[in-house]
Amino acid sequence: MLKFDWERWRIIDLTLPIFPFHQDLVGFPKVTRWTHEEGARLNAIPAGINPSDFPEGKSQAWEEVVLSTHLGTHLDAPYHFYPTTGGKPAKTIDQVPLEWCMGDGVVLDLTYKGPREFITKEDIVSALKKINYKLKPRDIVLIRTDWDKKWGTREYFDDHPGMSAEAVHYILDQGVKTIGIDTFGFDRSFKAMGEDYRRTGDKNYLWPAHNVGKEREYVHYERLANLDKIPVPYGFIF
């Protein structure tokens, strides 16, 4: 029997909780909670019994959650970007190969990026140079901005930096299929993109990083957290 060396391994949760707040946002969660007493009432009906038949009138408690598939920490599939990728039908989430979701992780420190700024190709090259690492095919690249520390504030939604198209292309050029970021979205904030588009009339300001998926097949994680807790920039499994 294979013995797992738990002392050697540390497991770090990179996800944010799902919580019902900021209801002016699209896809906010609605959480309904049933107490143990309410569980007894609901379970009694199909069982043909009375709620008082349960010990102390209590049965199972549970929650009902209504939410968008893009709420909380999540993976964007190629179909999310566009119906096609490079002219072929885009993969839906159930068609994404599981091996894309596990592999050698690489954390790139972009914590110096300011509100609403683009993360550029030069930023990626510089971050790799700083840790003396060369990307290889199927690495999972995690973009650390520490914006997750602002979770629950308006700033988290309205002012986060985001990936530029050229930065995404550069990472994909190295054979990478999976990228992740610890901001609300992969692109800059909705407000930043909208303001730049209204100011210039240039549609290239609208979701440029997501739109790379129209041409090239890849996936990305949004709303990661705790990338600062990973003790090494590479040499770990995501």
C-alpha atoms as a PDB file:
ATOM      1  CA  MET A   1       0.000   0.000   0.000  1.00  0.00           C
ATOM      2  CA  LEU A   2       1.358   3.414  -1.000  1.00  0.00           C
ATOM      3  CA  LYS A   3       1.861   5.676   2.013  1.00  0.00           C
ATOM      4  CA  PHE A   4       1.309   9.371   1.426  1.00  0.00           C
ATOM      5  CA  ASP A   5       3.869  11.605   3.096  1.00  0.00           C
ATOM      6  CA  TRP A   6       1.590  14.244   4.626  1.00  0.00           C
ATOM      7  CA  GLU A   7       4.494  15.900   6.445  1.00  0.00           C
ATOM      8  CA  ARG A   8       6.097  16.708   3.114  1.00  0.00           C
ATOM      9  CA  TRP A   9       2.979  18.188   1.555  1.00  0.00           C
ATOM     10  CA  ARG A  10       1.101  21.361   2.430  1.00  0.00           C
ATOM     11  CA  ILE A  11      -2.302  21.988   0.901  1.00  0.00           C
ATOM     12  CA  ILE A  12      -3.247  25.627   0.334  1.00  0.00           C
ATOM     13  CA  ASP A  13      -6.814  26.710  -0.440  1.00  0.00           C
ATOM     14  CA  LEU A  14      -6.752  29.221  -3.302  1.00  0.00           C
ATOM     15  CA  THR A  15     -10.495  29.891  -3.416  1.00  0.00           C
ATOM     16  CA  LEU A  16     -12.744  32.702  -2.193  1.00  0.00           C
ATOM     17  CA  PRO A  17     -15.985  32.027  -0.301  1.00  0.00           C
ATOM     18  CA  ILE A  18     -19.314  32.688  -1.979  1.00  0.00           C
ATOM     19  CA  PHE A  19     -21.267  35.294  -0.083  1.00  0.00           C
ATOM     20  CA  PRO A  20     -24.404  37.312  -0.944  1.00  0.00           C
ATOM     21  CA  PHE A  21     -23.329  40.929  -1.164  1.00  0.00           C
ATOM     22  CA  HIS A  22     -23.216  43.768  -3.700  1.00  0.00           C
ATOM     23  CA  GLN A  23     -26.565  42.857  -5.183  1.00  0.00           C
ATOM     24  CA  ASP A  24     -26.216  45.419  -7.952  1.00  0.00           C
ATOM     25  CA  LEU A  25     -23.775  43.059  -9.651  1.00  0.00           C
ATOM     26  CA  VAL A  26     -24.873  40.559 -12.272  1.00  0.00           C
ATOM     27  CA  GLY A  27     -25.171  37.007 -10.966  1.00  0.00           C
ATOM     28  CA  PHE A  28     -25.056  37.766  -7.253  1.00  0.00           C
ATOM     29  CA  PRO A  29     -25.831  34.687  -5.130  1.00  0.00           C
ATOM     30  CA  LYS A  30     -29.092  34.079  -3.334  1.00  0.00           C
ATOM     31  CA  VAL A  31     -28.737  31.756  -0.368  1.00  0.00           C
ATOM     32  CA  THR A  32     -31.778  30.298   1.411  1.00  0.00           C
ATOM     33  CA  ARG A  33     -31.082  28.398   4.612  1.00  0.00           C
ATOM     34  CA  TRP A  34     -33.422  25.880   6.236  1.00  0.00           C
ATOM     35  CA  THR A  35     -33.026  25.236   9.951  1.00  0.00           C
ATOM     36  CA  HIS A  36     -33.259  21.781  11.517  1.00  0.00           C
ATOM     37  CA  GLU A  37     -36.860  22.539  12.508  1.00  0.00           C
ATOM     38  CA  GLU A  38     -37.720  23.580   8.949  1.00  0.00           C
ATOM     39  CA  GLY A  39     -35.945  20.465   7.704  1.00  0.00           C
ATOM     40  CA  ALA A  40     -38.257  18.360   9.837  1.00  0.00           C
ATOM     41  CA  ARG A  41     -41.289  20.062   8.318  1.00  0.00           C
ATOM     42  CA  LEU A  42     -40.045  19.654   4.742  1.00  0.00           C
ATOM     43  CA  ASN A  43     -38.915  16.047   5.206  1.00  0.00           C
ATOM     44  CA  ALA A  44     -42.169  15.073   6.902  1.00  0.00           C
ATOM     45  CA  ILE A  45     -44.302  15.861   3.849  1.00  0.00           C
ATOM     46  CA  PRO A  46     -42.919  13.232   1.392  1.00  0.00           C
ATOM     47  CA  ALA A  47     -42.491  10.722   4.225  1.00  0.00           C
ATOM     48  CA  GLY A  48     -46.139  11.039   5.217  1.00  0.00           C
ATOM     49  CA  ILE A  49     -45.346  11.766   8.854  1.00  0.00           C
ATOM     50  CA  ASN A  50     -45.542  14.695  11.242  1.00  0.00           C
ATOM     51  CA  PRO A  51     -42.578  16.995  11.962  1.00  0.00           C
ATOM     52  CA  SER A  52     -42.974  16.126  15.638  1.00  0.00           C
ATOM     53  CA  ASP A  53     -42.125  12.507  14.815  1.00  0.00           C
ATOM     54  CA  PHE A  54     -38.473  13.517  14.399  1.00  0.00           C
ATOM     55  CA  PRO A  55     -36.334  13.559  17.571  1.00  0.00           C
ATOM     56  CA  GLU A  56     -36.989  16.931  19.228  1.00  0.00           C
ATOM     57  CA  GLY A  57     -38.813  17.927  16.044  1.00  0.00           C
ATOM     58  CA  LYS A  58     -35.553  18.394  14.198  1.00  0.00           C
ATOM     59  CA  SER A  59     -34.276  16.924  10.941  1.00  0.00           C
ATOM     60  CA  GLN A  60     -31.577  17.821   8.425  1.00  0.00           C
ATOM     61  CA  ALA A  61     -30.666  21.456   7.822  1.00  0.00           C
ATOM     62  CA  TRP A  62     -29.524  22.538   4.356  1.00  0.00           C
ATOM     63  CA  GLU A  63     -29.091  25.458   1.996  1.00  0.00           C
ATOM     64  CA  GLU A  64     -30.365  26.298  -1.460  1.00  0.00           C
ATOM     65  CA  VAL A  65     -27.996  28.411  -3.534  1.00  0.00           C
ATOM     66  CA  VAL A  66     -28.911  30.234  -6.753  1.00  0.00           C
ATOM     67  CA  LEU A  67     -25.929  31.751  -8.512  1.00  0.00           C
ATOM     68  CA  SER A  68     -24.072  32.342 -11.744  1.00  0.00           C
ATOM     69  CA  THR A  69     -21.438  29.816 -12.782  1.00  0.00           C
ATOM     70  CA  HIS A  70     -19.017  32.741 -12.785  1.00  0.00           C
ATOM     71  CA  LEU A  71     -19.424  33.669  -9.153  1.00  0.00           C
ATOM     72  CA  GLY A  72     -16.692  32.934  -6.656  1.00  0.00           C
ATOM     73  CA  THR A  73     -13.448  31.277  -7.724  1.00  0.00           C
ATOM     74  CA  HIS A  74     -14.138  29.637 -11.080  1.00  0.00           C
ATOM     75  CA  LEU A  75     -12.706  28.401 -14.382  1.00  0.00           C
ATOM     76  CA  ASP A  76     -13.629  30.054 -17.683  1.00  0.00           C
ATOM     77  CA  ALA A  77     -13.979  27.529 -20.497  1.00  0.00           C
ATOM     78  CA  PRO A  78     -13.295  28.332 -24.177  1.00  0.00           C
ATOM     79  CA  TYR A  79     -17.050  28.456 -24.895  1.00  0.00           C
ATOM     80  CA  HIS A  80     -17.353  31.327 -22.426  1.00  0.00           C
ATOM     81  CA  PHE A  81     -15.060  33.429 -24.617  1.00  0.00           C
ATOM     82  CA  TYR A  82     -16.817  32.796 -27.951  1.00  0.00           C
ATOM     83  CA  PRO A  83     -18.832  30.071 -29.746  1.00  0.00           C
ATOM     84  CA  THR A  84     -15.731  29.105 -31.727  1.00  0.00           C
ATOM     85  CA  THR A  85     -12.006  28.937 -31.136  1.00  0.00           C
ATOM     86  CA  GLY A  86      -9.893  29.434 -34.242  1.00  0.00           C
ATOM     87  CA  GLY A  87     -12.941  28.684 -36.363  1.00  0.00           C
ATOM     88  CA  LYS A  88     -13.772  25.397 -34.595  1.00  0.00           C
ATOM     89  CA  PRO A  89     -16.501  24.773 -31.998  1.00  0.00           C
ATOM     90  CA  ALA A  90     -15.265  25.982 -28.619  1.00  0.00           C
ATOM     91  CA  LYS A  91     -15.051  23.539 -25.727  1.00  0.00           C
ATOM     92  CA  THR A  92     -17.692  23.807 -23.028  1.00  0.00           C
ATOM     93  CA  ILE A  93     -16.601  23.304 -19.424  1.00  0.00           C
ATOM     94  CA  ASP A  94     -17.436  19.578 -19.448  1.00  0.00           C
ATOM     95  CA  GLN A  95     -15.164  19.137 -22.487  1.00  0.00           C
ATOM     96  CA  VAL A  96     -12.105  20.795 -20.933  1.00  0.00           C
ATOM     97  CA  PRO A  97      -9.450  18.088 -20.371  1.00  0.00           C
ATOM     98  CA  LEU A  98      -8.934  17.504 -16.658  1.00  0.00           C
ATOM     99  CA  GLU A  99      -5.173  17.464 -17.182  1.00  0.00           C
ATOM    100  CA  TRP A 100      -5.389  21.176 -17.980  1.00  0.00           C
ATOM    101  CA  CYS A 101      -6.568  21.693 -14.389  1.00  0.00           C
ATOM    102  CA  MET A 102      -3.635  20.045 -12.631  1.00  0.00           C
ATOM    103  CA  GLY A 103       0.065  20.552 -13.196  1.00  0.00           C
ATOM    104  CA  ASP A 104       3.205  22.436 -12.293  1.00  0.00           C
ATOM    105  CA  GLY A 105       2.278  25.831 -10.909  1.00  0.00           C
ATOM    106  CA  VAL A 106       4.204  29.075 -11.382  1.00  0.00           C
ATOM    107  CA  VAL A 107       3.378  32.232  -9.412  1.00  0.00           C
ATOM    108  CA  LEU A 108       4.312  35.558 -11.004  1.00  0.00           C
ATOM    109  CA  ASP A 109       4.459  38.545  -8.666  1.00  0.00           C
ATOM    110  CA  LEU A 110       2.600  41.491 -10.217  1.00  0.00           C
ATOM    111  CA  THR A 111       1.648  43.071  -6.890  1.00  0.00           C
ATOM    112  CA  TYR A 112       3.137  46.398  -7.982  1.00  0.00           C
ATOM    113  CA  LYS A 113       0.434  46.913 -10.609  1.00  0.00           C
ATOM    114  CA  GLY A 114      -1.874  49.784  -9.770  1.00  0.00           C
ATOM    115  CA  PRO A 115      -5.658  50.156 -10.017  1.00  0.00           C
ATOM    116  CA  ARG A 116      -7.103  49.588 -13.507  1.00  0.00           C
ATOM    117  CA  GLU A 117      -3.655  49.039 -15.058  1.00  0.00           C
ATOM    118  CA  PHE A 118      -2.897  46.572 -17.824  1.00  0.00           C
ATOM    119  CA  ILE A 119      -0.590  43.649 -17.063  1.00  0.00           C
ATOM    120  CA  THR A 120       1.684  43.688 -20.099  1.00  0.00           C
ATOM    121  CA  LYS A 121       3.939  41.229 -21.865  1.00  0.00           C
ATOM    122  CA  GLU A 122       6.895  43.119 -20.414  1.00  0.00           C
ATOM    123  CA  ASP A 123       5.485  42.592 -16.918  1.00  0.00           C
ATOM    124  CA  ILE A 124       5.325  38.833 -17.519  1.00  0.00           C
ATOM    125  CA  VAL A 125       8.844  38.669 -18.960  1.00  0.00           C
ATOM    126  CA  SER A 126      10.208  40.698 -16.050  1.00  0.00           C
ATOM    127  CA  ALA A 127       8.429  38.549 -13.432  1.00  0.00           C
ATOM    128  CA  LEU A 128       9.842  35.365 -14.988  1.00  0.00           C
ATOM    129  CA  LYS A 129      13.314  36.850 -15.101  1.00  0.00           C
ATOM    130  CA  LYS A 130      13.052  37.838 -11.454  1.00  0.00           C
ATOM    131  CA  ILE A 131      12.516  34.198 -10.399  1.00  0.00           C
ATOM    132  CA  ASN A 132      14.914  32.864 -13.051  1.00  0.00           C
ATOM    133  CA  TYR A 133      12.284  30.609 -14.586  1.00  0.00           C
ATOM    134  CA  LYS A 134      11.423  29.670 -18.177  1.00  0.00           C
ATOM    135  CA  LEU A 135       7.864  28.581 -18.834  1.00  0.00           C
ATOM    136  CA  LYS A 136       7.326  25.123 -20.288  1.00  0.00           C
ATOM    137  CA  PRO A 137       4.290  23.531 -21.968  1.00  0.00           C
ATOM    138  CA  ARG A 138       1.360  22.830 -19.623  1.00  0.00           C
ATOM    139  CA  ASP A 139       2.672  24.948 -16.770  1.00  0.00           C
ATOM    140  CA  ILE A 140      -0.192  26.599 -14.903  1.00  0.00           C
ATOM    141  CA  VAL A 141       0.618  30.297 -14.611  1.00  0.00           C
ATOM    142  CA  LEU A 142      -0.839  32.145 -11.622  1.00  0.00           C
ATOM    143  CA  ILE A 143      -0.862  35.941 -11.722  1.00  0.00           C
ATOM    144  CA  ARG A 144      -0.515  37.362  -8.215  1.00  0.00           C
ATOM    145  CA  THR A 145      -1.760  40.911  -7.637  1.00  0.00           C
ATOM    146  CA  ASP A 146      -2.944  40.466  -4.012  1.00  0.00           C
ATOM    147  CA  TRP A 147      -6.218  42.082  -5.083  1.00  0.00           C
ATOM    148  CA  ASP A 148      -8.013  39.279  -3.232  1.00  0.00           C
ATOM    149  CA  LYS A 149      -7.160  41.145  -0.018  1.00  0.00           C
ATOM    150  CA  LYS A 150      -9.750  43.730  -1.099  1.00  0.00           C
ATOM    151  CA  TRP A 151     -12.514  41.126  -1.435  1.00  0.00           C
ATOM    152  CA  GLY A 152     -15.827  42.446  -0.128  1.00  0.00           C
ATOM    153  CA  THR A 153     -15.100  46.067  -1.037  1.00  0.00           C
ATOM    154  CA  ARG A 154     -16.190  48.173  -4.001  1.00  0.00           C
ATOM    155  CA  GLU A 155     -12.526  48.585  -4.911  1.00  0.00           C
ATOM    156  CA  TYR A 156     -12.265  44.825  -5.464  1.00  0.00           C
ATOM    157  CA  PHE A 157     -14.887  45.044  -8.235  1.00  0.00           C
ATOM    158  CA  ASP A 158     -14.281  48.491  -9.674  1.00  0.00           C
ATOM    159  CA  ASP A 159     -10.528  49.070  -9.729  1.00  0.00           C
ATOM    160  CA  HIS A 160      -8.596  45.849 -10.225  1.00  0.00           C
ATOM    161  CA  PRO A 161      -5.840  45.563 -12.845  1.00  0.00           C
ATOM    162  CA  GLY A 162      -6.142  42.981 -15.607  1.00  0.00           C
ATOM    163  CA  MET A 163      -4.373  41.088 -18.338  1.00  0.00           C
ATOM    164  CA  SER A 164      -3.594  42.613 -21.723  1.00  0.00           C
ATOM    165  CA  ALA A 165      -4.059  40.563 -24.879  1.00  0.00           C
ATOM    166  CA  GLU A 166      -0.324  40.645 -25.594  1.00  0.00           C
ATOM    167  CA  ALA A 167       0.461  39.244 -22.137  1.00  0.00           C
ATOM    168  CA  VAL A 168      -1.951  36.359 -22.687  1.00  0.00           C
ATOM    169  CA  HIS A 169      -0.535  35.637 -26.136  1.00  0.00           C
ATOM    170  CA  TYR A 170       2.999  35.586 -24.753  1.00  0.00           C
ATOM    171  CA  ILE A 171       2.113  33.058 -22.047  1.00  0.00           C
ATOM    172  CA  LEU A 172       0.246  30.848 -24.515  1.00  0.00           C
ATOM    173  CA  ASP A 173       3.220  31.014 -26.885  1.00  0.00           C
ATOM    174  CA  GLN A 174       5.174  29.033 -24.285  1.00  0.00           C
ATOM    175  CA  GLY A 175       2.787  26.082 -24.547  1.00  0.00           C
ATOM    176  CA  VAL A 176       0.671  27.045 -21.538  1.00  0.00           C
ATOM    177  CA  LYS A 177      -3.039  26.127 -21.604  1.00  0.00           C
ATOM    178  CA  THR A 178      -4.105  27.380 -18.164  1.00  0.00           C
ATOM    179  CA  ILE A 179      -3.714  30.778 -16.494  1.00  0.00           C
ATOM    180  CA  GLY A 180      -5.141  32.077 -13.222  1.00  0.00           C
ATOM    181  CA  ILE A 181      -5.485  35.470 -11.562  1.00  0.00           C
ATOM    182  CA  ASP A 182      -6.533  36.669  -8.102  1.00  0.00           C
ATOM    183  CA  THR A 183      -8.681  39.575  -9.308  1.00  0.00           C
ATOM    184  CA  PHE A 184     -12.437  39.798  -9.872  1.00  0.00           C
ATOM    185  CA  GLY A 185     -11.950  39.326 -13.618  1.00  0.00           C
ATOM    186  CA  PHE A 186      -9.210  38.345 -16.046  1.00  0.00           C
ATOM    187  CA  ASP A 187      -9.474  41.663 -17.870  1.00  0.00           C
ATOM    188  CA  ARG A 188      -9.383  45.016 -16.147  1.00  0.00           C
ATOM    189  CA  SER A 189     -12.481  46.102 -14.240  1.00  0.00           C
ATOM    190  CA  PHE A 190     -15.797  46.722 -15.981  1.00  0.00           C
ATOM    191  CA  LYS A 191     -15.558  50.411 -15.140  1.00  0.00           C
ATOM    192  CA  ALA A 192     -12.017  50.755 -16.517  1.00  0.00           C
ATOM    193  CA  MET A 193     -12.927  49.096 -19.816  1.00  0.00           C
ATOM    194  CA  GLY A 194     -16.173  51.027 -20.149  1.00  0.00           C
ATOM    195  CA  GLU A 195     -14.596  54.390 -19.446  1.00  0.00           C
ATOM    196  CA  ASP A 196     -11.754  53.811 -21.915  1.00  0.00           C
ATOM    197  CA  TYR A 197     -14.180  52.695 -24.621  1.00  0.00           C
ATOM    198  CA  ARG A 198     -16.458  55.693 -24.132  1.00  0.00           C
ATOM    199  CA  ARG A 199     -13.454  58.002 -24.138  1.00  0.00           C
ATOM    200  CA  THR A 200     -11.865  56.609 -27.316  1.00  0.00           C
ATOM    201  CA  GLY A 201     -14.531  54.652 -29.179  1.00  0.00           C
ATOM    202  CA  ASP A 202     -11.942  51.859 -29.493  1.00  0.00           C
ATOM    203  CA  LYS A 203     -13.598  48.444 -29.062  1.00  0.00           C
ATOM    204  CA  ASN A 204     -10.197  46.860 -28.397  1.00  0.00           C
ATOM    205  CA  TYR A 205     -10.572  48.120 -24.828  1.00  0.00           C
ATOM    206  CA  LEU A 206     -13.505  45.744 -24.288  1.00  0.00           C
ATOM    207  CA  TRP A 207     -12.395  42.397 -22.822  1.00  0.00           C
ATOM    208  CA  PRO A 208      -9.178  42.117 -24.873  1.00  0.00           C
ATOM    209  CA  ALA A 209      -7.762  39.283 -22.749  1.00  0.00           C
ATOM    210  CA  HIS A 210     -10.959  37.216 -22.920  1.00  0.00           C
ATOM    211  CA  ASN A 211     -11.101  37.797 -26.664  1.00  0.00           C
ATOM    212  CA  VAL A 212      -7.803  35.956 -27.138  1.00  0.00           C
ATOM    213  CA  GLY A 213      -9.967  32.865 -26.662  1.00  0.00           C
ATOM    214  CA  LYS A 214     -11.625  33.538 -30.012  1.00  0.00           C
ATOM    215  CA  GLU A 215      -8.320  32.738 -31.683  1.00  0.00           C
ATOM    216  CA  ARG A 216      -6.519  30.383 -29.302  1.00  0.00           C
ATOM    217  CA  GLU A 217      -7.696  27.544 -27.095  1.00  0.00           C
ATOM    218  CA  TYR A 218      -6.956  27.980 -23.406  1.00  0.00           C
ATOM    219  CA  VAL A 219      -8.723  28.362 -20.057  1.00  0.00           C
ATOM    220  CA  HIS A 220      -8.287  30.742 -17.159  1.00  0.00           C
ATOM    221  CA  TYR A 221      -9.214  30.913 -13.490  1.00  0.00           C
ATOM    222  CA  GLU A 222     -10.652  34.081 -12.009  1.00  0.00           C
ATOM    223  CA  ARG A 223     -10.959  35.215  -8.384  1.00  0.00           C
ATOM    224  CA  LEU A 224      -8.213  33.048  -6.967  1.00  0.00           C
ATOM    225  CA  ALA A 225      -6.987  33.886  -3.478  1.00  0.00           C
ATOM    226  CA  ASN A 226      -4.040  33.334  -1.148  1.00  0.00           C
ATOM    227  CA  LEU A 227      -1.383  33.212  -3.845  1.00  0.00           C
ATOM    228  CA  ASP A 228       0.845  34.998  -1.323  1.00  0.00           C
ATOM    229  CA  LYS A 229       0.694  31.896   0.885  1.00  0.00           C
ATOM    230  CA  ILE A 230       2.432  29.702  -1.699  1.00  0.00           C
ATOM    231  CA  PRO A 231       5.980  29.613  -0.275  1.00  0.00           C
ATOM    232  CA  VAL A 232       7.824  29.159  -3.577  1.00  0.00           C
ATOM    233  CA  PRO A 233       7.320  30.727  -7.038  1.00  0.00           C
ATOM    234  CA  TYR A 234       7.507  27.317  -8.729  1.00  0.00           C
ATOM    235  CA  GLY A 235       8.106  23.659  -7.855  1.00  0.00           C
ATOM    236  CA  PHE A 236       4.577  23.035  -6.561  1.00  0.00           C
ATOM    237  CA  ILE A 237       1.486  21.265  -7.927  1.00  0.00           C
ATOM    238  CA  PHE A 238      -1.645  23.247  -8.736  1.00  0.00           C
END
